Amino acid sequence: MFTGIIETLGIIKDIQKEEDNLHLTITSSITTELKIDQSVAHNGICLTVVAIENETYTVTAIKETVNKTNIGTWKKGDTINLERAMKLGDRLDGHIVQGHVDQIGICKSIKETEGSWLFTFEYHPTFNNITIEKGSITVNGVSLTVVNSKANEFSVAIIPYTYQHTNFKNFEVGHQVNLEFDVIGKYVARLHSLSK
């Protein structure tokens, strides 16, 4: 379980393909605090630490993860958002984030405003995911509030702190992102569809 409050950034040092799996080696400021079998969210994808060596650690993504996220497009040198799982009793500063990406979104526009940035994302309607105005959404693991909620499209306002301390500063129009929709909203939508 995560909160969507990014702890630090990581840099991908190596990617190895083994059958359908991807092994990613990452360096970060929290590597020395990690342990084997620990869950860490990488751009919103919950992955398990399988090896640690000096300043780097390795995680493995299976075929299901590769198919449902943008992890297959990552390359050496990419910067990714990192968050360790929350501790029981911690403040929930963001919202309830599972680290289970629902689908990929595409950055449709980036507008710099007076002191912030407005990012608009679109997503395919295949999975019937929805957003609501002022609801929660996770973009690359970052807990955000939805503005301008539309069918298969939404915007988020990014403050300077978030812009500087996440990989939002690297986004361009057309950039693929991992989306995790609000878990409570997903359950409500599912119950509603079953009652019809």
C-alpha atoms as a PDB file:
ATOM      1  CA  MET A   1       0.000   0.000   0.000  1.00  0.00           C
ATOM      2  CA  PHE A   2       1.306   3.430  -0.989  1.00  0.00           C
ATOM      3  CA  THR A   3       0.186   7.046  -0.642  1.00  0.00           C
ATOM      4  CA  GLY A   4       1.322   8.549  -3.951  1.00  0.00           C
ATOM      5  CA  ILE A   5       3.751  10.922  -2.226  1.00  0.00           C
ATOM      6  CA  ILE A   6       7.030  10.439  -4.098  1.00  0.00           C
ATOM      7  CA  GLU A   7      10.000   9.872  -1.824  1.00  0.00           C
ATOM      8  CA  THR A   8      12.865  10.236  -4.285  1.00  0.00           C
ATOM      9  CA  LEU A   9      13.913   9.678  -7.884  1.00  0.00           C
ATOM     10  CA  GLY A  10      15.804   6.689  -9.256  1.00  0.00           C
ATOM     11  CA  ILE A  11      17.931   6.244 -12.369  1.00  0.00           C
ATOM     12  CA  ILE A  12      17.731   3.058 -14.440  1.00  0.00           C
ATOM     13  CA  LYS A  13      21.254   1.652 -14.764  1.00  0.00           C
ATOM     14  CA  ASP A  14      20.531  -1.617 -16.563  1.00  0.00           C
ATOM     15  CA  ILE A  15      17.662  -3.580 -18.117  1.00  0.00           C
ATOM     16  CA  GLN A  16      17.924  -7.305 -18.830  1.00  0.00           C
ATOM     17  CA  LYS A  17      15.261  -9.360 -20.606  1.00  0.00           C
ATOM     18  CA  GLU A  18      14.836 -12.986 -19.535  1.00  0.00           C
ATOM     19  CA  GLU A  19      12.069 -14.787 -21.405  1.00  0.00           C
ATOM     20  CA  ASP A  20       8.928 -12.674 -20.640  1.00  0.00           C
ATOM     21  CA  ASN A  21      10.499 -10.950 -17.615  1.00  0.00           C
ATOM     22  CA  LEU A  22      12.385  -7.671 -17.323  1.00  0.00           C
ATOM     23  CA  HIS A  23      15.072  -7.234 -14.660  1.00  0.00           C
ATOM     24  CA  LEU A  24      15.715  -3.561 -13.924  1.00  0.00           C
ATOM     25  CA  THR A  25      18.718  -2.327 -11.951  1.00  0.00           C
ATOM     26  CA  ILE A  26      18.225   1.083 -10.368  1.00  0.00           C
ATOM     27  CA  THR A  27      20.330   3.511  -8.366  1.00  0.00           C
ATOM     28  CA  SER A  28      18.733   5.822  -5.803  1.00  0.00           C
ATOM     29  CA  SER A  29      19.350   7.682  -2.567  1.00  0.00           C
ATOM     30  CA  ILE A  30      17.303   5.075  -0.640  1.00  0.00           C
ATOM     31  CA  THR A  31      19.098   1.954  -1.932  1.00  0.00           C
ATOM     32  CA  THR A  32      21.085   1.448   1.285  1.00  0.00           C
ATOM     33  CA  GLU A  33      17.834   1.495   3.287  1.00  0.00           C
ATOM     34  CA  LEU A  34      16.133  -1.185   1.175  1.00  0.00           C
ATOM     35  CA  LYS A  35      16.019  -4.909   1.849  1.00  0.00           C
ATOM     36  CA  ILE A  36      15.355  -7.968  -0.266  1.00  0.00           C
ATOM     37  CA  ASP A  37      11.617  -8.730  -0.726  1.00  0.00           C
ATOM     38  CA  GLN A  38      10.585  -5.124  -0.038  1.00  0.00           C
ATOM     39  CA  SER A  39       7.884  -3.481  -2.167  1.00  0.00           C
ATOM     40  CA  VAL A  40       8.752  -0.221  -3.904  1.00  0.00           C
ATOM     41  CA  ALA A  41       6.537   1.736  -6.323  1.00  0.00           C
ATOM     42  CA  HIS A  42       8.386   2.636  -9.552  1.00  0.00           C
ATOM     43  CA  ASN A  43       6.393   5.214 -11.553  1.00  0.00           C
ATOM     44  CA  GLY A  44       3.400   3.765  -9.717  1.00  0.00           C
ATOM     45  CA  ILE A  45       4.250   0.099 -10.393  1.00  0.00           C
ATOM     46  CA  CYS A  46       4.664  -2.019  -7.260  1.00  0.00           C
ATOM     47  CA  LEU A  47       7.805  -4.137  -7.766  1.00  0.00           C
ATOM     48  CA  THR A  48       9.703  -6.355  -5.332  1.00  0.00           C
ATOM     49  CA  VAL A  49      13.394  -5.828  -4.583  1.00  0.00           C
ATOM     50  CA  VAL A  50      15.194  -9.060  -5.549  1.00  0.00           C
ATOM     51  CA  ALA A  51      18.864  -7.998  -5.238  1.00  0.00           C
ATOM     52  CA  ILE A  52      20.928  -5.182  -3.714  1.00  0.00           C
ATOM     53  CA  GLU A  53      24.531  -4.352  -4.551  1.00  0.00           C
ATOM     54  CA  ASN A  54      26.219  -1.194  -3.255  1.00  0.00           C
ATOM     55  CA  GLU A  55      24.234   1.796  -4.603  1.00  0.00           C
ATOM     56  CA  THR A  56      21.980  -0.255  -6.894  1.00  0.00           C
ATOM     57  CA  TYR A  57      19.087  -2.643  -6.460  1.00  0.00           C
ATOM     58  CA  THR A  58      17.211  -4.904  -8.874  1.00  0.00           C
ATOM     59  CA  VAL A  59      13.500  -5.556  -9.376  1.00  0.00           C
ATOM     60  CA  THR A  60      11.730  -7.926 -11.760  1.00  0.00           C
ATOM     61  CA  ALA A  61       8.647  -7.190 -13.857  1.00  0.00           C
ATOM     62  CA  ILE A  62       6.649 -10.162 -15.169  1.00  0.00           C
ATOM     63  CA  LYS A  63       4.690 -10.311 -18.441  1.00  0.00           C
ATOM     64  CA  GLU A  64       1.426  -9.093 -16.842  1.00  0.00           C
ATOM     65  CA  THR A  65       3.197  -5.942 -15.616  1.00  0.00           C
ATOM     66  CA  VAL A  66       4.910  -5.378 -18.964  1.00  0.00           C
ATOM     67  CA  ASN A  67       1.572  -5.726 -20.780  1.00  0.00           C
ATOM     68  CA  LYS A  68      -0.397  -3.311 -18.554  1.00  0.00           C
ATOM     69  CA  THR A  69       2.172  -0.564 -17.952  1.00  0.00           C
ATOM     70  CA  ASN A  70       4.704   1.513 -19.855  1.00  0.00           C
ATOM     71  CA  ILE A  71       7.658  -0.325 -18.275  1.00  0.00           C
ATOM     72  CA  GLY A  72       8.513  -1.928 -21.622  1.00  0.00           C
ATOM     73  CA  THR A  73       9.397   1.521 -22.991  1.00  0.00           C
ATOM     74  CA  TRP A  74      11.852   2.366 -20.193  1.00  0.00           C
ATOM     75  CA  LYS A  75      15.538   2.595 -21.074  1.00  0.00           C
ATOM     76  CA  LYS A  76      18.899   3.045 -19.389  1.00  0.00           C
ATOM     77  CA  GLY A  77      19.263   6.543 -17.974  1.00  0.00           C
ATOM     78  CA  ASP A  78      15.530   7.146 -17.490  1.00  0.00           C
ATOM     79  CA  THR A  79      14.464   8.872 -14.276  1.00  0.00           C
ATOM     80  CA  ILE A  80      11.634   7.209 -12.346  1.00  0.00           C
ATOM     81  CA  ASN A  81       9.531   8.177  -9.321  1.00  0.00           C
ATOM     82  CA  LEU A  82      10.110   6.011  -6.232  1.00  0.00           C
ATOM     83  CA  GLU A  83       8.011   5.448  -3.125  1.00  0.00           C
ATOM     84  CA  ARG A  84       8.440   2.789  -0.463  1.00  0.00           C
ATOM     85  CA  ALA A  85       5.322   1.156   0.983  1.00  0.00           C
ATOM     86  CA  MET A  86       3.700   3.107   3.794  1.00  0.00           C
ATOM     87  CA  LYS A  87       4.161   2.098   7.418  1.00  0.00           C
ATOM     88  CA  LEU A  88       1.068   1.272   9.437  1.00  0.00           C
ATOM     89  CA  GLY A  89       0.249   4.350  11.482  1.00  0.00           C
ATOM     90  CA  ASP A  90       1.793   6.857   9.041  1.00  0.00           C
ATOM     91  CA  ARG A  91      -0.176   9.847   7.830  1.00  0.00           C
ATOM     92  CA  LEU A  92      -1.932   9.272   4.520  1.00  0.00           C
ATOM     93  CA  ASP A  93      -0.818  12.495   2.833  1.00  0.00           C
ATOM     94  CA  GLY A  94      -1.917  11.437  -0.660  1.00  0.00           C
ATOM     95  CA  HIS A  95      -4.620   8.807  -1.141  1.00  0.00           C
ATOM     96  CA  ILE A  96      -4.841   5.002  -1.028  1.00  0.00           C
ATOM     97  CA  VAL A  97      -2.581   3.745  -3.824  1.00  0.00           C
ATOM     98  CA  GLN A  98      -2.127   0.027  -4.471  1.00  0.00           C
ATOM     99  CA  GLY A  99       0.732   0.163  -6.958  1.00  0.00           C
ATOM    100  CA  HIS A 100      -1.418  -1.771  -9.443  1.00  0.00           C
ATOM    101  CA  VAL A 101      -1.464   0.214 -12.672  1.00  0.00           C
ATOM    102  CA  ASP A 102      -4.835   0.121 -14.445  1.00  0.00           C
ATOM    103  CA  GLN A 103      -3.721   1.348 -17.841  1.00  0.00           C
ATOM    104  CA  ILE A 104      -1.435   3.644 -19.791  1.00  0.00           C
ATOM    105  CA  GLY A 105      -2.314   7.279 -20.437  1.00  0.00           C
ATOM    106  CA  ILE A 106      -0.881   9.742 -22.964  1.00  0.00           C
ATOM    107  CA  CYS A 107       0.101  13.329 -22.184  1.00  0.00           C
ATOM    108  CA  LYS A 108      -2.087  15.435 -24.445  1.00  0.00           C
ATOM    109  CA  SER A 109      -0.973  18.933 -23.418  1.00  0.00           C
ATOM    110  CA  ILE A 110       1.236  20.843 -21.001  1.00  0.00           C
ATOM    111  CA  LYS A 111       0.404  24.444 -20.145  1.00  0.00           C
ATOM    112  CA  GLU A 112       2.586  26.574 -17.916  1.00  0.00           C
ATOM    113  CA  THR A 113       0.454  28.929 -15.864  1.00  0.00           C
ATOM    114  CA  GLU A 114       1.435  31.548 -13.302  1.00  0.00           C
ATOM    115  CA  GLY A 115       3.382  29.441 -10.834  1.00  0.00           C
ATOM    116  CA  SER A 116       2.225  25.947 -11.838  1.00  0.00           C
ATOM    117  CA  TRP A 117       1.700  23.589 -14.771  1.00  0.00           C
ATOM    118  CA  LEU A 118      -1.522  22.061 -16.118  1.00  0.00           C
ATOM    119  CA  PHE A 119      -1.021  18.594 -17.599  1.00  0.00           C
ATOM    120  CA  THR A 120      -3.828  16.951 -19.578  1.00  0.00           C
ATOM    121  CA  PHE A 121      -3.895  13.192 -20.130  1.00  0.00           C
ATOM    122  CA  GLU A 122      -6.116  10.979 -22.243  1.00  0.00           C
ATOM    123  CA  TYR A 123      -6.726   7.265 -21.889  1.00  0.00           C
ATOM    124  CA  HIS A 124      -8.479   4.583 -23.922  1.00  0.00           C
ATOM    125  CA  PRO A 125     -12.057   3.733 -22.830  1.00  0.00           C
ATOM    126  CA  THR A 126     -11.469  -0.039 -23.110  1.00  0.00           C
ATOM    127  CA  PHE A 127     -11.288  -0.641 -19.357  1.00  0.00           C
ATOM    128  CA  ASN A 128     -14.218   1.650 -18.405  1.00  0.00           C
ATOM    129  CA  ASN A 129     -12.072   3.644 -15.966  1.00  0.00           C
ATOM    130  CA  ILE A 130     -13.401   7.023 -14.887  1.00  0.00           C
ATOM    131  CA  THR A 131     -12.297  10.148 -13.083  1.00  0.00           C
ATOM    132  CA  ILE A 132     -14.398  12.672 -11.216  1.00  0.00           C
ATOM    133  CA  GLU A 133     -13.836  16.363 -10.629  1.00  0.00           C
ATOM    134  CA  LYS A 134     -11.690  16.826  -7.467  1.00  0.00           C
ATOM    135  CA  GLY A 135     -11.261  13.066  -7.194  1.00  0.00           C
ATOM    136  CA  SER A 136      -7.918  11.293  -6.860  1.00  0.00           C
ATOM    137  CA  ILE A 137      -5.737   9.871  -9.638  1.00  0.00           C
ATOM    138  CA  THR A 138      -2.227   8.443  -9.629  1.00  0.00           C
ATOM    139  CA  VAL A 139       0.020   9.434 -12.544  1.00  0.00           C
ATOM    140  CA  ASN A 140       3.406   7.648 -12.586  1.00  0.00           C
ATOM    141  CA  GLY A 141       2.882   6.980  -8.892  1.00  0.00           C
ATOM    142  CA  VAL A 142       2.099  10.595  -7.961  1.00  0.00           C
ATOM    143  CA  SER A 143      -1.134  11.179  -6.012  1.00  0.00           C
ATOM    144  CA  LEU A 144      -2.976  14.073  -7.679  1.00  0.00           C
ATOM    145  CA  THR A 145      -6.345  15.806  -7.698  1.00  0.00           C
ATOM    146  CA  VAL A 146      -8.356  15.657 -10.922  1.00  0.00           C
ATOM    147  CA  VAL A 147      -9.416  18.885 -12.623  1.00  0.00           C
ATOM    148  CA  ASN A 148     -11.348  19.146 -15.890  1.00  0.00           C
ATOM    149  CA  SER A 149     -12.654  15.572 -15.703  1.00  0.00           C
ATOM    150  CA  LYS A 150     -14.056  14.482 -19.070  1.00  0.00           C
ATOM    151  CA  ALA A 151     -14.791  11.170 -20.757  1.00  0.00           C
ATOM    152  CA  ASN A 152     -11.413   9.443 -21.164  1.00  0.00           C
ATOM    153  CA  GLU A 153      -9.516  12.623 -20.329  1.00  0.00           C
ATOM    154  CA  PHE A 154      -8.525  14.652 -17.279  1.00  0.00           C
ATOM    155  CA  SER A 155      -6.101  17.340 -16.180  1.00  0.00           C
ATOM    156  CA  VAL A 156      -3.967  17.796 -13.084  1.00  0.00           C
ATOM    157  CA  ALA A 157      -2.319  20.948 -11.737  1.00  0.00           C
ATOM    158  CA  ILE A 158       1.316  20.483 -10.737  1.00  0.00           C
ATOM    159  CA  ILE A 159       2.896  22.785  -8.157  1.00  0.00           C
ATOM    160  CA  PRO A 160       6.592  23.717  -8.443  1.00  0.00           C
ATOM    161  CA  TYR A 161       7.656  21.317  -5.655  1.00  0.00           C
ATOM    162  CA  THR A 162       6.046  18.320  -7.377  1.00  0.00           C
ATOM    163  CA  TYR A 163       7.410  19.425 -10.748  1.00  0.00           C
ATOM    164  CA  GLN A 164      10.977  19.603  -9.409  1.00  0.00           C
ATOM    165  CA  HIS A 165      10.882  16.444  -7.252  1.00  0.00           C
ATOM    166  CA  THR A 166       9.205  14.013  -9.678  1.00  0.00           C
ATOM    167  CA  ASN A 167       9.713  13.074 -13.309  1.00  0.00           C
ATOM    168  CA  PHE A 168       6.883  15.388 -14.419  1.00  0.00           C
ATOM    169  CA  LYS A 169       9.641  17.816 -15.468  1.00  0.00           C
ATOM    170  CA  ASN A 170      10.672  15.289 -18.154  1.00  0.00           C
ATOM    171  CA  PHE A 171       7.212  14.884 -19.714  1.00  0.00           C
ATOM    172  CA  GLU A 172       6.485  16.013 -23.248  1.00  0.00           C
ATOM    173  CA  VAL A 173       3.292  15.859 -25.286  1.00  0.00           C
ATOM    174  CA  GLY A 174       2.832  12.224 -26.363  1.00  0.00           C
ATOM    175  CA  HIS A 175       4.657  10.865 -23.278  1.00  0.00           C
ATOM    176  CA  GLN A 176       3.192   7.596 -21.934  1.00  0.00           C
ATOM    177  CA  VAL A 177       2.358   7.440 -18.216  1.00  0.00           C
ATOM    178  CA  ASN A 178       1.059   4.807 -15.808  1.00  0.00           C
ATOM    179  CA  LEU A 179      -2.428   5.503 -14.466  1.00  0.00           C
ATOM    180  CA  GLU A 180      -3.957   4.036 -11.326  1.00  0.00           C
ATOM    181  CA  PHE A 181      -7.544   5.157 -10.828  1.00  0.00           C
ATOM    182  CA  ASP A 182      -8.970   5.680  -7.336  1.00  0.00           C
ATOM    183  CA  VAL A 183      -9.615   2.269  -5.737  1.00  0.00           C
ATOM    184  CA  ILE A 184     -12.812   3.419  -4.007  1.00  0.00           C
ATOM    185  CA  GLY A 185     -14.146   4.777  -7.293  1.00  0.00           C
ATOM    186  CA  LYS A 186     -13.326   1.473  -9.007  1.00  0.00           C
ATOM    187  CA  TYR A 187     -15.327  -0.500  -6.424  1.00  0.00           C
ATOM    188  CA  VAL A 188     -18.290   1.876  -6.688  1.00  0.00           C
ATOM    189  CA  ALA A 189     -18.230   1.657 -10.502  1.00  0.00           C
ATOM    190  CA  ARG A 190     -18.051  -2.152 -10.326  1.00  0.00           C
ATOM    191  CA  LEU A 191     -20.963  -2.391  -7.878  1.00  0.00           C
ATOM    192  CA  HIS A 192     -22.983  -0.027 -10.062  1.00  0.00           C
ATOM    193  CA  SER A 193     -22.355  -2.162 -13.172  1.00  0.00           C
ATOM    194  CA  LEU A 194     -23.366  -5.337 -11.305  1.00  0.00           C
ATOM    195  CA  SER A 195     -26.648  -3.787 -10.120  1.00  0.00           C
ATOM    196  CA  LYS A 196     -27.844  -3.134 -13.687  1.00  0.00           C
END
